[in-house]
Each structure stands twice: as structure tokens, then as C-alpha cells.
């Protein structure tokens, strides 16, 4: 991704309803290659009164962290994306209290720094799945980490 593309990623965020000023409480970086899931979980995060920051790739996530200078409190990430360990390590250097939720079955991949593993909801997302994710996100900030 070149510098011009990185600028576009950051510039388009306000048009999508994402704002650095909108929520100063907690910022949640969502990194996954499934755009549908990103927007679904983004809605859950907004319901919890937190600010979602969507990224479809690790390079998009790096742009958000670098260019937008967003302090990340919670990372929801697809652990199968290449470079996830490096992203977690990078964020932890600047955000010591960073919480991390990995998508998938617990222990599918060995990664350091994962606080919780959560299953991705199936195609027919039920209210109960939304409620469970909402509870998981809120519990991360309350210090109650429970594996799925």
C-alpha cells in the first residue's frame, strides 16, 4: 500500500461514521479479511459505546495506528493473517494495557499475548451471538477475560 492509498484509508473513515473525537473512552481495532464480520462486530462495539476502527489487513491496521494516531485499547483480530504476532507486539509496546481477542477455536494457533479466543458467528447471526460478543467486549474492559 503506497502513501496515497494510506491517506485514503484514513480520509474515508469519517465518511463511514468513524471519528477519533466521537468516543474518547475506548478504541477497538478490528482486523479481519471478512468485511461483513468487521461491520457486524463494529455494530456490537458501537452498542457498547466504544469506538470501532476497522481494518481489512495488517497494513490497513498499521496505517490507522500510525497516521490516525489512535491509542488502541482492544484488538479483535483474525490470527490466521500473516504478521499478527508482530502487530500485537507493536501495539503492546505503546499500549501496555492492550487486550486482545482472537477469532477462532482456542489454541488453533499458538500466539503470545492473546487474552481471549472467541468463535466467529455463523452465517445466520442470532441475537444471542450478538449478546455474547457484546458481553465479551465489555468484559475485556472490566478485566474479566474468559475463553469462549
C-alpha atoms as a PDB file:
ATOM      1  CA  UNK A   1       0.000   0.000   0.000  1.00  0.00           C
ATOM      2  CA  UNK A   2       1.527   3.306  -1.047  1.00  0.00           C
ATOM      3  CA  UNK A   3       1.350   6.623   0.835  1.00  0.00           C
ATOM      4  CA  UNK A   4      -1.564   7.887  -1.269  1.00  0.00           C
ATOM      5  CA  UNK A   5      -3.603   4.738  -0.551  1.00  0.00           C
ATOM      6  CA  UNK A   6      -2.794   5.008   3.173  1.00  0.00           C
ATOM      7  CA  UNK A   7      -4.105   8.578   3.159  1.00  0.00           C
ATOM      8  CA  UNK A   8      -7.314   7.418   1.502  1.00  0.00           C
ATOM      9  CA  UNK A   9      -7.841   4.757   4.169  1.00  0.00           C
ATOM     10  CA  UNK A  10      -7.627   7.363   6.934  1.00  0.00           C
ATOM     11  CA  UNK A  11      -9.602  10.018   4.990  1.00  0.00           C
ATOM     12  CA  UNK A  12     -12.536   7.698   4.283  1.00  0.00           C
ATOM     13  CA  UNK A  13     -13.090   6.807   7.957  1.00  0.00           C
ATOM     14  CA  UNK A  14     -15.134   9.939   8.812  1.00  0.00           C
ATOM     15  CA  UNK A  15     -17.352   9.273   5.775  1.00  0.00           C
ATOM     16  CA  UNK A  16     -18.066   5.804   7.215  1.00  0.00           C
ATOM     17  CA  UNK A  17     -19.105   7.258  10.577  1.00  0.00           C
ATOM     18  CA  UNK A  18     -15.842   6.580  12.389  1.00  0.00           C
ATOM     19  CA  UNK A  19     -14.407   9.523  14.288  1.00  0.00           C
ATOM     20  CA  UNK A  20     -11.473   9.937  16.630  1.00  0.00           C
ATOM     21  CA  UNK A  21     -13.482  12.509  18.567  1.00  0.00           C
ATOM     22  CA  UNK A  22     -16.727  10.536  18.699  1.00  0.00           C
ATOM     23  CA  UNK A  23     -15.753   8.294  21.549  1.00  0.00           C
ATOM     24  CA  UNK A  24     -12.853   9.072  23.817  1.00  0.00           C
ATOM     25  CA  UNK A  25     -13.500   6.184  26.192  1.00  0.00           C
ATOM     26  CA  UNK A  26     -12.147   3.080  24.424  1.00  0.00           C
ATOM     27  CA  UNK A  27     -10.867   2.349  20.915  1.00  0.00           C
ATOM     28  CA  UNK A  28     -11.298  -1.109  19.399  1.00  0.00           C
ATOM     29  CA  UNK A  29      -9.194  -2.090  16.381  1.00  0.00           C
ATOM     30  CA  UNK A  30     -10.895  -4.823  14.332  1.00  0.00           C
ATOM     31  CA  UNK A  31      -8.584  -6.612  11.879  1.00  0.00           C
ATOM     32  CA  UNK A  32     -10.097  -9.272   9.655  1.00  0.00           C
ATOM     33  CA  UNK A  33     -10.301 -10.027   5.955  1.00  0.00           C
ATOM     34  CA  UNK A  34     -14.095 -10.542   6.191  1.00  0.00           C
ATOM     35  CA  UNK A  35     -15.664  -7.120   5.686  1.00  0.00           C
ATOM     36  CA  UNK A  36     -19.099  -8.386   6.727  1.00  0.00           C
ATOM     37  CA  UNK A  37     -17.758  -9.524  10.089  1.00  0.00           C
ATOM     38  CA  UNK A  38     -15.875  -6.241  10.566  1.00  0.00           C
ATOM     39  CA  UNK A  39     -19.074  -4.241  10.194  1.00  0.00           C
ATOM     40  CA  UNK A  40     -21.110  -6.688  12.269  1.00  0.00           C
ATOM     41  CA  UNK A  41     -18.673  -6.588  15.192  1.00  0.00           C
ATOM     42  CA  UNK A  42     -18.278  -2.825  14.664  1.00  0.00           C
ATOM     43  CA  UNK A  43     -22.002  -2.511  15.378  1.00  0.00           C
ATOM     44  CA  UNK A  44     -21.564  -4.550  18.544  1.00  0.00           C
ATOM     45  CA  UNK A  45     -18.684  -2.299  19.627  1.00  0.00           C
ATOM     46  CA  UNK A  46     -20.752   0.855  18.971  1.00  0.00           C
ATOM     47  CA  UNK A  47     -23.621  -0.637  21.014  1.00  0.00           C
ATOM     48  CA  UNK A  48     -21.170  -0.931  23.914  1.00  0.00           C
ATOM     49  CA  UNK A  49     -20.304   2.795  23.451  1.00  0.00           C
ATOM     50  CA  UNK A  50     -16.787   2.094  22.239  1.00  0.00           C
ATOM     51  CA  UNK A  51     -15.173   3.377  19.030  1.00  0.00           C
ATOM     52  CA  UNK A  52     -14.518   0.719  16.369  1.00  0.00           C
ATOM     53  CA  UNK A  53     -11.598   1.114  13.949  1.00  0.00           C
ATOM     54  CA  UNK A  54     -11.960  -1.326  11.008  1.00  0.00           C
ATOM     55  CA  UNK A  55      -9.043  -2.749   9.029  1.00  0.00           C
ATOM     56  CA  UNK A  56      -9.203  -5.416   6.323  1.00  0.00           C
ATOM     57  CA  UNK A  57      -5.478  -6.125   6.517  1.00  0.00           C
ATOM     58  CA  UNK A  58      -2.498  -5.676   8.785  1.00  0.00           C
ATOM     59  CA  UNK A  59      -1.193  -2.883   6.541  1.00  0.00           C
ATOM     60  CA  UNK A  60      -4.531  -1.032   6.963  1.00  0.00           C
ATOM     61  CA  UNK A  61      -4.260  -1.560  10.726  1.00  0.00           C
ATOM     62  CA  UNK A  62      -0.734  -0.139  10.746  1.00  0.00           C
ATOM     63  CA  UNK A  63      -1.955   2.935   8.859  1.00  0.00           C
ATOM     64  CA  UNK A  64      -4.700   3.516  11.412  1.00  0.00           C
ATOM     65  CA  UNK A  65      -2.315   3.186  14.310  1.00  0.00           C
ATOM     66  CA  UNK A  66       0.410   5.332  12.690  1.00  0.00           C
ATOM     67  CA  UNK A  67      -1.418   8.004  10.654  1.00  0.00           C
ATOM     68  CA  UNK A  68      -4.548   8.400  12.759  1.00  0.00           C
ATOM     69  CA  UNK A  69      -2.526   8.122  15.990  1.00  0.00           C
ATOM     70  CA  UNK A  70      -5.310   6.142  17.621  1.00  0.00           C
ATOM     71  CA  UNK A  71      -4.493   4.619  21.024  1.00  0.00           C
ATOM     72  CA  UNK A  72      -5.867   1.076  20.824  1.00  0.00           C
ATOM     73  CA  UNK A  73      -7.439  -0.428  23.946  1.00  0.00           C
ATOM     74  CA  UNK A  74      -8.766  -3.675  22.440  1.00  0.00           C
ATOM     75  CA  UNK A  75      -7.653  -5.596  19.368  1.00  0.00           C
ATOM     76  CA  UNK A  76     -10.074  -8.071  17.762  1.00  0.00           C
ATOM     77  CA  UNK A  77      -8.012  -9.955  15.204  1.00  0.00           C
ATOM     78  CA  UNK A  78      -8.055 -12.901  12.843  1.00  0.00           C
ATOM     79  CA  UNK A  79      -4.943 -14.810  13.992  1.00  0.00           C
ATOM     80  CA  UNK A  80      -4.517 -16.518  10.630  1.00  0.00           C
ATOM     81  CA  UNK A  81      -3.492 -13.245   8.956  1.00  0.00           C
ATOM     82  CA  UNK A  82       0.263 -13.118   8.343  1.00  0.00           C
ATOM     83  CA  UNK A  83       2.111 -10.805  10.713  1.00  0.00           C
ATOM     84  CA  UNK A  84      -0.418 -10.869  13.574  1.00  0.00           C
ATOM     85  CA  UNK A  85       2.244 -11.611  16.193  1.00  0.00           C
ATOM     86  CA  UNK A  86       4.229  -8.574  15.055  1.00  0.00           C
ATOM     87  CA  UNK A  87       1.126  -6.340  15.188  1.00  0.00           C
ATOM     88  CA  UNK A  88       0.326  -7.494  18.730  1.00  0.00           C
ATOM     89  CA  UNK A  89       3.933  -6.899  19.823  1.00  0.00           C
ATOM     90  CA  UNK A  90       3.972  -3.442  18.198  1.00  0.00           C
ATOM     91  CA  UNK A  91       0.715  -2.396  19.856  1.00  0.00           C
ATOM     92  CA  UNK A  92       1.795  -3.760  23.245  1.00  0.00           C
ATOM     93  CA  UNK A  93       4.954  -1.629  23.170  1.00  0.00           C
ATOM     94  CA  UNK A  94       2.861   1.541  23.096  1.00  0.00           C
ATOM     95  CA  UNK A  95      -0.299   0.229  24.786  1.00  0.00           C
ATOM     96  CA  UNK A  96       0.749  -1.849  27.767  1.00  0.00           C
ATOM     97  CA  UNK A  97      -2.854  -2.479  28.842  1.00  0.00           C
ATOM     98  CA  UNK A  98      -3.900  -3.693  25.384  1.00  0.00           C
ATOM     99  CA  UNK A  99      -6.442  -6.527  25.418  1.00  0.00           C
ATOM    100  CA  UNK A 100      -6.583  -8.993  22.505  1.00  0.00           C
ATOM    101  CA  UNK A 101      -9.467 -11.180  21.335  1.00  0.00           C
ATOM    102  CA  UNK A 102      -8.509 -13.718  18.663  1.00  0.00           C
ATOM    103  CA  UNK A 103     -11.082 -15.206  16.304  1.00  0.00           C
ATOM    104  CA  UNK A 104     -11.306 -18.985  16.192  1.00  0.00           C
ATOM    105  CA  UNK A 105     -11.130 -22.000  18.434  1.00  0.00           C
ATOM    106  CA  UNK A 106      -8.874 -21.689  21.457  1.00  0.00           C
ATOM    107  CA  UNK A 107      -5.402 -22.894  20.730  1.00  0.00           C
ATOM    108  CA  UNK A 108      -5.804 -23.222  16.946  1.00  0.00           C
ATOM    109  CA  UNK A 109      -2.648 -21.188  16.606  1.00  0.00           C
ATOM    110  CA  UNK A 110      -0.015 -20.533  19.226  1.00  0.00           C
ATOM    111  CA  UNK A 111       0.233 -16.761  19.635  1.00  0.00           C
ATOM    112  CA  UNK A 112       1.598 -14.787  22.529  1.00  0.00           C
ATOM    113  CA  UNK A 113      -0.483 -12.016  24.015  1.00  0.00           C
ATOM    114  CA  UNK A 114      -3.999 -13.358  23.399  1.00  0.00           C
ATOM    115  CA  UNK A 115      -6.376 -12.595  26.277  1.00  0.00           C
ATOM    116  CA  UNK A 116      -9.387 -14.445  24.896  1.00  0.00           C
ATOM    117  CA  UNK A 117     -10.473 -16.613  21.966  1.00  0.00           C
ATOM    118  CA  UNK A 118     -13.964 -16.133  20.514  1.00  0.00           C
ATOM    119  CA  UNK A 119     -15.747 -18.069  17.800  1.00  0.00           C
ATOM    120  CA  UNK A 120     -16.821 -16.100  14.760  1.00  0.00           C
ATOM    121  CA  UNK A 121     -20.623 -16.117  14.462  1.00  0.00           C
ATOM    122  CA  UNK A 122     -22.103 -18.262  11.706  1.00  0.00           C
ATOM    123  CA  UNK A 123     -23.925 -17.006   8.617  1.00  0.00           C
ATOM    124  CA  UNK A 124     -27.280 -16.796  10.415  1.00  0.00           C
ATOM    125  CA  UNK A 125     -26.280 -14.418  13.201  1.00  0.00           C
ATOM    126  CA  UNK A 126     -28.647 -14.726  16.102  1.00  0.00           C
ATOM    127  CA  UNK A 127     -29.363 -12.175  18.803  1.00  0.00           C
ATOM    128  CA  UNK A 128     -27.677 -14.488  21.301  1.00  0.00           C
ATOM    129  CA  UNK A 129     -24.387 -14.354  19.332  1.00  0.00           C
ATOM    130  CA  UNK A 130     -24.537 -10.553  19.297  1.00  0.00           C
ATOM    131  CA  UNK A 131     -25.256 -10.513  23.038  1.00  0.00           C
ATOM    132  CA  UNK A 132     -22.367 -12.934  23.745  1.00  0.00           C
ATOM    133  CA  UNK A 133     -19.919 -10.782  21.746  1.00  0.00           C
ATOM    134  CA  UNK A 134     -21.179  -7.615  23.441  1.00  0.00           C
ATOM    135  CA  UNK A 135     -20.592  -9.231  26.819  1.00  0.00           C
ATOM    136  CA  UNK A 136     -17.113 -10.418  25.760  1.00  0.00           C
ATOM    137  CA  UNK A 137     -16.081  -6.935  24.614  1.00  0.00           C
ATOM    138  CA  UNK A 138     -17.376  -5.302  27.789  1.00  0.00           C
ATOM    139  CA  UNK A 139     -15.692  -7.953  29.963  1.00  0.00           C
ATOM    140  CA  UNK A 140     -12.322  -7.211  28.331  1.00  0.00           C
ATOM    141  CA  UNK A 141     -12.512  -3.692  29.734  1.00  0.00           C
ATOM    142  CA  UNK A 142     -13.684  -4.906  33.123  1.00  0.00           C
ATOM    143  CA  UNK A 143     -10.709  -7.251  33.358  1.00  0.00           C
ATOM    144  CA  UNK A 144     -12.828 -10.386  33.159  1.00  0.00           C
ATOM    145  CA  UNK A 145     -11.232 -12.499  30.449  1.00  0.00           C
ATOM    146  CA  UNK A 146     -12.990 -15.748  29.796  1.00  0.00           C
ATOM    147  CA  UNK A 147     -12.193 -18.010  26.856  1.00  0.00           C
ATOM    148  CA  UNK A 148     -15.040 -18.954  24.529  1.00  0.00           C
END
